[in-house]
């Protein structure tokens, strides 16, 4: 996110680090990277700290990452477990913190992978998909995330500077949204049965893949789930076989952005960006 959360203070972070990991933090500097989670660098580059809104799915997903790393998948950037053996620590009442060691390397930007990078990424994903599932890993919910919030936002404007603009935009694109939702339900019936699902990361785009001296590293495991392998593979293969997951990504983005702007909000860098992302998601022709 572009700006630090207003309901999570630096003191909250320091307290959670001390309680969960026994870390006495010196410097705590906000990092405006990624979108969805909030991030801080602690003590220079010693620790990388992430805060996510409280969710019942977060601890099982990050705990699975810990177990995958322990199973020998060196490319998994897993969180440091707390003194109590958890992957996350409550902070500030509304958040869960996770802590990561500094990784030397560079990631890309969200978007398609460069063609010459794809074979190495496919090989990494093949190893992930062939690994036995950790017992904590949950199956993917095939319903469109936050669909109820999207449907509300299509008819009722939220309280904030972008609320009415978002509802007007959604209304103008009503036919497109209905077509996407109808196709989505049809495609869902073509997926392999759950007993053929594998360990998936969920978002292996260039922004989540670091190129390091030791090889590729895959970060941000909060979306890890049991699912068809196509959930990961559509990022590196534009085959029609993976169209369901392309549609799911687009609909999930539309619903997330619409839901955020339907809640009370202020005019900030983040809400301005979210409205821009919503317009982009509703503008392009999908194939």
C-alpha atoms as a PDB file:
ATOM      1  CA  UNK A   1       0.000   0.000   0.000  1.00  0.00           C
ATOM      2  CA  UNK A   2       1.111   3.550  -0.677  1.00  0.00           C
ATOM      3  CA  UNK A   3       0.427   4.881   2.822  1.00  0.00           C
ATOM      4  CA  UNK A   4       0.700   3.450   6.322  1.00  0.00           C
ATOM      5  CA  UNK A   5      -2.540   2.351   8.016  1.00  0.00           C
ATOM      6  CA  UNK A   6      -4.109   4.958  10.274  1.00  0.00           C
ATOM      7  CA  UNK A   7      -5.222   2.319  12.800  1.00  0.00           C
ATOM      8  CA  UNK A   8      -1.851   0.632  13.338  1.00  0.00           C
ATOM      9  CA  UNK A   9       0.861   2.671  15.033  1.00  0.00           C
ATOM     10  CA  UNK A  10       4.599   2.183  15.223  1.00  0.00           C
ATOM     11  CA  UNK A  11       4.153   1.499  18.953  1.00  0.00           C
ATOM     12  CA  UNK A  12       1.684  -1.291  18.084  1.00  0.00           C
ATOM     13  CA  UNK A  13       4.279  -2.836  15.784  1.00  0.00           C
ATOM     14  CA  UNK A  14       7.048  -2.587  18.370  1.00  0.00           C
ATOM     15  CA  UNK A  15       4.830  -4.219  21.003  1.00  0.00           C
ATOM     16  CA  UNK A  16       3.859  -7.088  18.693  1.00  0.00           C
ATOM     17  CA  UNK A  17       7.469  -7.703  17.660  1.00  0.00           C
ATOM     18  CA  UNK A  18       8.561  -7.848  21.292  1.00  0.00           C
ATOM     19  CA  UNK A  19       5.695 -10.104  22.351  1.00  0.00           C
ATOM     20  CA  UNK A  20       5.762 -12.451  19.391  1.00  0.00           C
ATOM     21  CA  UNK A  21       9.429 -12.754  18.479  1.00  0.00           C
ATOM     22  CA  UNK A  22      11.336 -11.105  21.312  1.00  0.00           C
ATOM     23  CA  UNK A  23      12.561  -8.454  18.865  1.00  0.00           C
ATOM     24  CA  UNK A  24      13.420  -5.091  20.389  1.00  0.00           C
ATOM     25  CA  UNK A  25      12.988  -2.881  17.360  1.00  0.00           C
ATOM     26  CA  UNK A  26      15.225   0.104  16.734  1.00  0.00           C
ATOM     27  CA  UNK A  27      14.106   1.805  13.525  1.00  0.00           C
ATOM     28  CA  UNK A  28      10.686   1.028  12.055  1.00  0.00           C
ATOM     29  CA  UNK A  29      10.356   2.532   8.571  1.00  0.00           C
ATOM     30  CA  UNK A  30       7.283   2.234   6.363  1.00  0.00           C
ATOM     31  CA  UNK A  31       7.814   0.834   2.854  1.00  0.00           C
ATOM     32  CA  UNK A  32       5.250   1.706   0.156  1.00  0.00           C
ATOM     33  CA  UNK A  33       5.599  -1.520  -1.815  1.00  0.00           C
ATOM     34  CA  UNK A  34       3.028  -3.978  -3.130  1.00  0.00           C
ATOM     35  CA  UNK A  35      -0.715  -3.605  -2.757  1.00  0.00           C
ATOM     36  CA  UNK A  36      -3.044  -5.117  -0.200  1.00  0.00           C
ATOM     37  CA  UNK A  37      -0.625  -5.557   2.712  1.00  0.00           C
ATOM     38  CA  UNK A  38       1.408  -2.971   4.607  1.00  0.00           C
ATOM     39  CA  UNK A  39       5.167  -3.323   5.013  1.00  0.00           C
ATOM     40  CA  UNK A  40       7.963  -1.956   7.212  1.00  0.00           C
ATOM     41  CA  UNK A  41      11.729  -2.338   7.319  1.00  0.00           C
ATOM     42  CA  UNK A  42      12.878  -2.874  10.892  1.00  0.00           C
ATOM     43  CA  UNK A  43      16.418  -2.122  12.049  1.00  0.00           C
ATOM     44  CA  UNK A  44      17.560  -1.126   8.587  1.00  0.00           C
ATOM     45  CA  UNK A  45      17.243  -4.221   6.444  1.00  0.00           C
ATOM     46  CA  UNK A  46      17.452  -6.832   9.180  1.00  0.00           C
ATOM     47  CA  UNK A  47      13.729  -7.618   9.274  1.00  0.00           C
ATOM     48  CA  UNK A  48      10.896  -7.139   6.797  1.00  0.00           C
ATOM     49  CA  UNK A  49       7.541  -6.865   8.577  1.00  0.00           C
ATOM     50  CA  UNK A  50       4.125  -7.276   6.952  1.00  0.00           C
ATOM     51  CA  UNK A  51       0.728  -6.384   8.394  1.00  0.00           C
ATOM     52  CA  UNK A  52      -2.543  -7.812   7.067  1.00  0.00           C
ATOM     53  CA  UNK A  53      -6.074  -7.324   8.278  1.00  0.00           C
ATOM     54  CA  UNK A  54      -7.169 -10.101  10.624  1.00  0.00           C
ATOM     55  CA  UNK A  55      -8.296 -13.091   8.571  1.00  0.00           C
ATOM     56  CA  UNK A  56      -8.870 -16.691   9.520  1.00  0.00           C
ATOM     57  CA  UNK A  57      -7.140 -17.827   6.327  1.00  0.00           C
ATOM     58  CA  UNK A  58      -3.832 -16.012   6.908  1.00  0.00           C
ATOM     59  CA  UNK A  59      -2.255 -18.132   9.653  1.00  0.00           C
ATOM     60  CA  UNK A  60      -2.903 -21.487   7.879  1.00  0.00           C
ATOM     61  CA  UNK A  61      -1.477 -20.165   4.595  1.00  0.00           C
ATOM     62  CA  UNK A  62       1.690 -18.724   6.133  1.00  0.00           C
ATOM     63  CA  UNK A  63       2.114 -21.767   8.360  1.00  0.00           C
ATOM     64  CA  UNK A  64       1.998 -23.876   5.192  1.00  0.00           C
ATOM     65  CA  UNK A  65       4.816 -21.746   3.766  1.00  0.00           C
ATOM     66  CA  UNK A  66       6.907 -22.508   6.849  1.00  0.00           C
ATOM     67  CA  UNK A  67       6.328 -26.225   6.341  1.00  0.00           C
ATOM     68  CA  UNK A  68       7.058 -26.053   2.604  1.00  0.00           C
ATOM     69  CA  UNK A  69      10.368 -24.364   3.334  1.00  0.00           C
ATOM     70  CA  UNK A  70      11.120 -27.041   5.895  1.00  0.00           C
ATOM     71  CA  UNK A  71      10.321 -29.711   3.304  1.00  0.00           C
ATOM     72  CA  UNK A  72      13.226 -28.501   1.176  1.00  0.00           C
ATOM     73  CA  UNK A  73      11.686 -25.908  -1.142  1.00  0.00           C
ATOM     74  CA  UNK A  74      14.467 -23.332  -0.890  1.00  0.00           C
ATOM     75  CA  UNK A  75      12.593 -20.827  -3.077  1.00  0.00           C
ATOM     76  CA  UNK A  76       9.851 -20.388  -0.458  1.00  0.00           C
ATOM     77  CA  UNK A  77      10.376 -17.169   1.518  1.00  0.00           C
ATOM     78  CA  UNK A  78       8.585 -18.192   4.695  1.00  0.00           C
ATOM     79  CA  UNK A  79       7.929 -16.090   7.780  1.00  0.00           C
ATOM     80  CA  UNK A  80       9.938 -16.442  10.967  1.00  0.00           C
ATOM     81  CA  UNK A  81       7.801 -18.321  13.474  1.00  0.00           C
ATOM     82  CA  UNK A  82       6.938 -16.617  16.755  1.00  0.00           C
ATOM     83  CA  UNK A  83       8.145 -17.809  20.124  1.00  0.00           C
ATOM     84  CA  UNK A  84       4.796 -19.607  20.387  1.00  0.00           C
ATOM     85  CA  UNK A  85       5.268 -21.418  17.075  1.00  0.00           C
ATOM     86  CA  UNK A  86       2.843 -19.338  15.019  1.00  0.00           C
ATOM     87  CA  UNK A  87       3.443 -17.638  11.679  1.00  0.00           C
ATOM     88  CA  UNK A  88       1.611 -14.455  12.726  1.00  0.00           C
ATOM     89  CA  UNK A  89       1.199 -12.251  15.784  1.00  0.00           C
ATOM     90  CA  UNK A  90      -1.839 -10.018  16.526  1.00  0.00           C
ATOM     91  CA  UNK A  91      -1.093  -6.288  16.470  1.00  0.00           C
ATOM     92  CA  UNK A  92      -3.221  -3.242  17.182  1.00  0.00           C
ATOM     93  CA  UNK A  93      -6.450  -5.206  17.427  1.00  0.00           C
ATOM     94  CA  UNK A  94      -7.193  -5.339  13.679  1.00  0.00           C
ATOM     95  CA  UNK A  95      -3.996  -6.747  12.206  1.00  0.00           C
ATOM     96  CA  UNK A  96      -1.740  -9.777  12.080  1.00  0.00           C
ATOM     97  CA  UNK A  97       2.004  -9.252  11.712  1.00  0.00           C
ATOM     98  CA  UNK A  98       4.432 -11.601   9.985  1.00  0.00           C
ATOM     99  CA  UNK A  99       8.222 -11.211  10.059  1.00  0.00           C
ATOM    100  CA  UNK A 100      10.729 -12.152   7.367  1.00  0.00           C
ATOM    101  CA  UNK A 101      14.527 -12.099   7.220  1.00  0.00           C
ATOM    102  CA  UNK A 102      16.026  -9.725   4.678  1.00  0.00           C
ATOM    103  CA  UNK A 103      16.478 -11.343   1.247  1.00  0.00           C
ATOM    104  CA  UNK A 104      19.116  -9.870  -1.054  1.00  0.00           C
ATOM    105  CA  UNK A 105      17.723  -9.585  -4.555  1.00  0.00           C
ATOM    106  CA  UNK A 106      15.249  -7.793  -6.789  1.00  0.00           C
ATOM    107  CA  UNK A 107      11.695  -8.462  -7.883  1.00  0.00           C
ATOM    108  CA  UNK A 108       9.881  -7.318 -10.986  1.00  0.00           C
ATOM    109  CA  UNK A 109       6.690  -5.358 -11.518  1.00  0.00           C
ATOM    110  CA  UNK A 110       3.194  -6.754 -11.761  1.00  0.00           C
ATOM    111  CA  UNK A 111       2.455  -7.884 -15.300  1.00  0.00           C
ATOM    112  CA  UNK A 112       3.417 -10.686 -17.686  1.00  0.00           C
ATOM    113  CA  UNK A 113       6.631 -12.631 -17.249  1.00  0.00           C
ATOM    114  CA  UNK A 114       9.406 -12.127 -19.770  1.00  0.00           C
ATOM    115  CA  UNK A 115       9.417 -15.092 -22.199  1.00  0.00           C
ATOM    116  CA  UNK A 116      13.024 -16.051 -21.407  1.00  0.00           C
ATOM    117  CA  UNK A 117      12.197 -16.244 -17.686  1.00  0.00           C
ATOM    118  CA  UNK A 118       9.214 -18.545 -18.055  1.00  0.00           C
ATOM    119  CA  UNK A 119      10.946 -21.963 -18.244  1.00  0.00           C
ATOM    120  CA  UNK A 120      12.702 -21.396 -14.904  1.00  0.00           C
ATOM    121  CA  UNK A 121       9.477 -20.209 -13.293  1.00  0.00           C
ATOM    122  CA  UNK A 122       7.508 -23.149 -14.687  1.00  0.00           C
ATOM    123  CA  UNK A 123      10.141 -25.521 -13.272  1.00  0.00           C
ATOM    124  CA  UNK A 124       9.861 -23.867  -9.848  1.00  0.00           C
ATOM    125  CA  UNK A 125       6.072 -24.143  -9.899  1.00  0.00           C
ATOM    126  CA  UNK A 126       6.274 -27.789 -10.969  1.00  0.00           C
ATOM    127  CA  UNK A 127       8.314 -28.541  -7.841  1.00  0.00           C
ATOM    128  CA  UNK A 128       5.747 -26.725  -5.713  1.00  0.00           C
ATOM    129  CA  UNK A 129       2.814 -28.554  -7.268  1.00  0.00           C
ATOM    130  CA  UNK A 130       4.513 -31.936  -6.773  1.00  0.00           C
ATOM    131  CA  UNK A 131       5.114 -31.356  -3.046  1.00  0.00           C
ATOM    132  CA  UNK A 132       2.735 -33.056  -0.590  1.00  0.00           C
ATOM    133  CA  UNK A 133       0.321 -30.547   0.892  1.00  0.00           C
ATOM    134  CA  UNK A 134       1.011 -29.321   4.440  1.00  0.00           C
ATOM    135  CA  UNK A 135      -1.868 -30.293   6.735  1.00  0.00           C
ATOM    136  CA  UNK A 136      -2.685 -26.647   7.494  1.00  0.00           C
ATOM    137  CA  UNK A 137      -3.250 -25.711   3.844  1.00  0.00           C
ATOM    138  CA  UNK A 138      -6.876 -24.929   3.059  1.00  0.00           C
ATOM    139  CA  UNK A 139      -8.675 -25.573  -0.250  1.00  0.00           C
ATOM    140  CA  UNK A 140      -9.457 -22.646  -2.530  1.00  0.00           C
ATOM    141  CA  UNK A 141     -12.967 -21.248  -2.247  1.00  0.00           C
ATOM    142  CA  UNK A 142     -14.144 -21.104  -5.860  1.00  0.00           C
ATOM    143  CA  UNK A 143     -16.688 -18.353  -5.210  1.00  0.00           C
ATOM    144  CA  UNK A 144     -15.626 -14.896  -6.397  1.00  0.00           C
ATOM    145  CA  UNK A 145     -14.085 -13.177  -3.329  1.00  0.00           C
ATOM    146  CA  UNK A 146     -16.180 -10.279  -2.006  1.00  0.00           C
ATOM    147  CA  UNK A 147     -18.885 -10.816  -4.617  1.00  0.00           C
ATOM    148  CA  UNK A 148     -21.565  -9.629  -2.178  1.00  0.00           C
ATOM    149  CA  UNK A 149     -19.705  -6.325  -1.787  1.00  0.00           C
ATOM    150  CA  UNK A 150     -19.509  -5.915  -5.561  1.00  0.00           C
ATOM    151  CA  UNK A 151     -23.241  -6.484  -5.939  1.00  0.00           C
ATOM    152  CA  UNK A 152     -23.961  -3.929  -3.232  1.00  0.00           C
ATOM    153  CA  UNK A 153     -21.615  -1.372  -4.787  1.00  0.00           C
ATOM    154  CA  UNK A 154     -23.382  -1.761  -8.150  1.00  0.00           C
ATOM    155  CA  UNK A 155     -26.579  -0.346  -6.647  1.00  0.00           C
ATOM    156  CA  UNK A 156     -25.659   1.672  -3.555  1.00  0.00           C
ATOM    157  CA  UNK A 157     -22.956   4.341  -3.452  1.00  0.00           C
ATOM    158  CA  UNK A 158     -20.501   4.295  -0.576  1.00  0.00           C
ATOM    159  CA  UNK A 159     -19.674   7.162   1.752  1.00  0.00           C
ATOM    160  CA  UNK A 160     -16.524   8.756   0.408  1.00  0.00           C
ATOM    161  CA  UNK A 161     -15.132  10.790  -2.493  1.00  0.00           C
ATOM    162  CA  UNK A 162     -15.027   7.809  -4.862  1.00  0.00           C
ATOM    163  CA  UNK A 163     -18.172   5.998  -3.711  1.00  0.00           C
ATOM    164  CA  UNK A 164     -20.672   7.497  -6.166  1.00  0.00           C
ATOM    165  CA  UNK A 165     -18.143   7.543  -9.006  1.00  0.00           C
ATOM    166  CA  UNK A 166     -17.473   3.843  -8.485  1.00  0.00           C
ATOM    167  CA  UNK A 167     -21.192   2.983  -8.471  1.00  0.00           C
ATOM    168  CA  UNK A 168     -21.776   4.998 -11.654  1.00  0.00           C
ATOM    169  CA  UNK A 169     -18.863   3.223 -13.323  1.00  0.00           C
ATOM    170  CA  UNK A 170     -20.139  -0.200 -12.248  1.00  0.00           C
ATOM    171  CA  UNK A 171     -23.617   0.673 -13.533  1.00  0.00           C
ATOM    172  CA  UNK A 172     -22.226   1.694 -16.916  1.00  0.00           C
ATOM    173  CA  UNK A 173     -20.371  -1.628 -17.114  1.00  0.00           C
ATOM    174  CA  UNK A 174     -23.255  -3.729 -15.790  1.00  0.00           C
ATOM    175  CA  UNK A 175     -23.539  -5.843 -18.943  1.00  0.00           C
ATOM    176  CA  UNK A 176     -19.841  -6.684 -18.908  1.00  0.00           C
ATOM    177  CA  UNK A 177     -19.957  -7.681 -15.241  1.00  0.00           C
ATOM    178  CA  UNK A 178     -22.989  -9.913 -15.776  1.00  0.00           C
ATOM    179  CA  UNK A 179     -21.293 -11.586 -18.768  1.00  0.00           C
ATOM    180  CA  UNK A 180     -18.108 -12.212 -16.780  1.00  0.00           C
ATOM    181  CA  UNK A 181     -20.045 -13.691 -13.856  1.00  0.00           C
ATOM    182  CA  UNK A 182     -22.121 -15.926 -16.130  1.00  0.00           C
ATOM    183  CA  UNK A 183     -19.059 -17.230 -17.968  1.00  0.00           C
ATOM    184  CA  UNK A 184     -17.288 -17.761 -14.658  1.00  0.00           C
ATOM    185  CA  UNK A 185     -20.007 -20.106 -13.411  1.00  0.00           C
ATOM    186  CA  UNK A 186     -19.888 -22.081 -16.657  1.00  0.00           C
ATOM    187  CA  UNK A 187     -16.096 -22.420 -16.527  1.00  0.00           C
ATOM    188  CA  UNK A 188     -16.186 -23.531 -12.894  1.00  0.00           C
ATOM    189  CA  UNK A 189     -17.811 -26.798 -13.971  1.00  0.00           C
ATOM    190  CA  UNK A 190     -14.769 -27.639 -16.139  1.00  0.00           C
ATOM    191  CA  UNK A 191     -12.246 -27.674 -13.265  1.00  0.00           C
ATOM    192  CA  UNK A 192     -10.609 -30.916 -12.078  1.00  0.00           C
ATOM    193  CA  UNK A 193     -12.097 -32.496  -8.933  1.00  0.00           C
ATOM    194  CA  UNK A 194     -10.661 -31.540  -5.510  1.00  0.00           C
ATOM    195  CA  UNK A 195      -8.784 -34.826  -5.153  1.00  0.00           C
ATOM    196  CA  UNK A 196      -6.565 -33.670  -8.047  1.00  0.00           C
ATOM    197  CA  UNK A 197      -5.768 -30.277  -6.541  1.00  0.00           C
ATOM    198  CA  UNK A 198      -2.204 -29.382  -5.572  1.00  0.00           C
ATOM    199  CA  UNK A 199      -0.293 -26.871  -3.466  1.00  0.00           C
ATOM    200  CA  UNK A 200      -0.532 -23.481  -5.194  1.00  0.00           C
ATOM    201  CA  UNK A 201       0.919 -20.080  -4.401  1.00  0.00           C
ATOM    202  CA  UNK A 202      -1.883 -18.134  -6.071  1.00  0.00           C
ATOM    203  CA  UNK A 203      -0.020 -15.026  -7.249  1.00  0.00           C
ATOM    204  CA  UNK A 204       3.339 -15.967  -8.849  1.00  0.00           C
ATOM    205  CA  UNK A 205       3.563 -12.787 -10.923  1.00  0.00           C
ATOM    206  CA  UNK A 206       6.887 -10.916 -11.385  1.00  0.00           C
ATOM    207  CA  UNK A 207       6.247  -8.712  -8.345  1.00  0.00           C
ATOM    208  CA  UNK A 208       6.277 -11.774  -6.090  1.00  0.00           C
ATOM    209  CA  UNK A 209       9.345 -13.440  -7.611  1.00  0.00           C
ATOM    210  CA  UNK A 210      12.766 -12.279  -6.459  1.00  0.00           C
ATOM    211  CA  UNK A 211      15.910 -12.900  -8.443  1.00  0.00           C
ATOM    212  CA  UNK A 212      18.690 -13.521  -5.925  1.00  0.00           C
ATOM    213  CA  UNK A 213      22.307 -14.754  -6.053  1.00  0.00           C
ATOM    214  CA  UNK A 214      20.952 -18.133  -4.903  1.00  0.00           C
ATOM    215  CA  UNK A 215      18.244 -18.367  -7.543  1.00  0.00           C
ATOM    216  CA  UNK A 216      14.531 -17.553  -7.662  1.00  0.00           C
ATOM    217  CA  UNK A 217      12.634 -16.824  -4.470  1.00  0.00           C
ATOM    218  CA  UNK A 218       8.827 -16.707  -4.198  1.00  0.00           C
ATOM    219  CA  UNK A 219       7.365 -14.271  -1.655  1.00  0.00           C
ATOM    220  CA  UNK A 220       3.888 -13.390  -0.309  1.00  0.00           C
ATOM    221  CA  UNK A 221       2.382 -16.743   0.634  1.00  0.00           C
ATOM    222  CA  UNK A 222      -0.823 -15.387   2.176  1.00  0.00           C
ATOM    223  CA  UNK A 223      -2.768 -16.651  -0.859  1.00  0.00           C
ATOM    224  CA  UNK A 224      -1.421 -20.231  -0.711  1.00  0.00           C
ATOM    225  CA  UNK A 225      -4.226 -22.774  -1.132  1.00  0.00           C
ATOM    226  CA  UNK A 226      -4.949 -26.243  -2.422  1.00  0.00           C
ATOM    227  CA  UNK A 227      -6.259 -25.695  -5.949  1.00  0.00           C
ATOM    228  CA  UNK A 228      -5.917 -26.792  -9.582  1.00  0.00           C
ATOM    229  CA  UNK A 229      -2.382 -26.164 -10.873  1.00  0.00           C
ATOM    230  CA  UNK A 230      -3.823 -23.704 -13.400  1.00  0.00           C
ATOM    231  CA  UNK A 231      -4.263 -21.213 -10.568  1.00  0.00           C
ATOM    232  CA  UNK A 232      -0.494 -20.628 -10.798  1.00  0.00           C
ATOM    233  CA  UNK A 233       0.221 -21.605 -14.380  1.00  0.00           C
ATOM    234  CA  UNK A 234      -1.927 -18.973 -16.067  1.00  0.00           C
ATOM    235  CA  UNK A 235       0.685 -16.415 -15.020  1.00  0.00           C
ATOM    236  CA  UNK A 236       3.233 -18.062 -17.331  1.00  0.00           C
ATOM    237  CA  UNK A 237       0.996 -19.712 -19.939  1.00  0.00           C
ATOM    238  CA  UNK A 238      -1.793 -17.936 -21.827  1.00  0.00           C
ATOM    239  CA  UNK A 239      -3.348 -21.232 -22.905  1.00  0.00           C
ATOM    240  CA  UNK A 240      -7.190 -21.286 -23.053  1.00  0.00           C
ATOM    241  CA  UNK A 241      -6.964 -24.162 -20.566  1.00  0.00           C
ATOM    242  CA  UNK A 242      -6.405 -21.601 -17.810  1.00  0.00           C
ATOM    243  CA  UNK A 243      -9.106 -19.101 -18.768  1.00  0.00           C
ATOM    244  CA  UNK A 244     -11.080 -19.778 -15.573  1.00  0.00           C
ATOM    245  CA  UNK A 245      -8.271 -18.390 -13.453  1.00  0.00           C
ATOM    246  CA  UNK A 246      -7.786 -15.342 -15.664  1.00  0.00           C
ATOM    247  CA  UNK A 247     -11.477 -14.597 -15.234  1.00  0.00           C
ATOM    248  CA  UNK A 248     -11.268 -15.236 -11.509  1.00  0.00           C
ATOM    249  CA  UNK A 249      -8.383 -12.781 -11.118  1.00  0.00           C
ATOM    250  CA  UNK A 250     -10.238 -10.062 -13.008  1.00  0.00           C
ATOM    251  CA  UNK A 251     -13.515 -10.545 -11.143  1.00  0.00           C
ATOM    252  CA  UNK A 252     -11.725 -10.712  -7.781  1.00  0.00           C
ATOM    253  CA  UNK A 253      -9.992  -7.412  -8.546  1.00  0.00           C
ATOM    254  CA  UNK A 254     -13.238  -5.747  -9.614  1.00  0.00           C
ATOM    255  CA  UNK A 255     -15.002  -6.964  -6.473  1.00  0.00           C
ATOM    256  CA  UNK A 256     -12.124  -5.966  -4.182  1.00  0.00           C
ATOM    257  CA  UNK A 257     -11.764  -2.459  -5.602  1.00  0.00           C
ATOM    258  CA  UNK A 258     -15.529  -1.902  -5.681  1.00  0.00           C
ATOM    259  CA  UNK A 259     -15.878  -3.168  -2.113  1.00  0.00           C
ATOM    260  CA  UNK A 260     -13.087  -0.918  -0.840  1.00  0.00           C
ATOM    261  CA  UNK A 261     -14.664   2.174  -2.433  1.00  0.00           C
ATOM    262  CA  UNK A 262     -18.094   1.248  -1.121  1.00  0.00           C
ATOM    263  CA  UNK A 263     -16.844   1.481   2.459  1.00  0.00           C
ATOM    264  CA  UNK A 264     -16.378   4.853   4.194  1.00  0.00           C
ATOM    265  CA  UNK A 265     -13.092   6.281   2.935  1.00  0.00           C
ATOM    266  CA  UNK A 266     -11.045   9.434   2.444  1.00  0.00           C
ATOM    267  CA  UNK A 267      -9.288  10.813  -0.610  1.00  0.00           C
ATOM    268  CA  UNK A 268      -5.781   9.338  -0.294  1.00  0.00           C
ATOM    269  CA  UNK A 269      -3.102   8.015  -2.612  1.00  0.00           C
ATOM    270  CA  UNK A 270      -4.477   4.534  -2.011  1.00  0.00           C
ATOM    271  CA  UNK A 271      -8.147   5.288  -2.740  1.00  0.00           C
ATOM    272  CA  UNK A 272      -7.180   7.287  -5.832  1.00  0.00           C
ATOM    273  CA  UNK A 273      -5.103   4.334  -7.047  1.00  0.00           C
ATOM    274  CA  UNK A 274      -7.914   1.880  -6.280  1.00  0.00           C
ATOM    275  CA  UNK A 275     -10.392   3.889  -8.363  1.00  0.00           C
ATOM    276  CA  UNK A 276      -7.887   3.936 -11.216  1.00  0.00           C
ATOM    277  CA  UNK A 277      -7.412   0.171 -10.952  1.00  0.00           C
ATOM    278  CA  UNK A 278     -11.184  -0.350 -11.013  1.00  0.00           C
ATOM    279  CA  UNK A 279     -11.477   1.671 -14.218  1.00  0.00           C
ATOM    280  CA  UNK A 280      -8.674  -0.350 -15.797  1.00  0.00           C
ATOM    281  CA  UNK A 281     -10.256  -3.674 -14.827  1.00  0.00           C
ATOM    282  CA  UNK A 282     -13.550  -2.641 -16.441  1.00  0.00           C
ATOM    283  CA  UNK A 283     -11.988  -1.132 -19.575  1.00  0.00           C
ATOM    284  CA  UNK A 284      -9.920  -3.812 -21.288  1.00  0.00           C
ATOM    285  CA  UNK A 285     -11.106  -6.571 -23.588  1.00  0.00           C
ATOM    286  CA  UNK A 286     -10.402  -9.982 -22.049  1.00  0.00           C
ATOM    287  CA  UNK A 287      -9.727 -13.068 -24.167  1.00  0.00           C
END
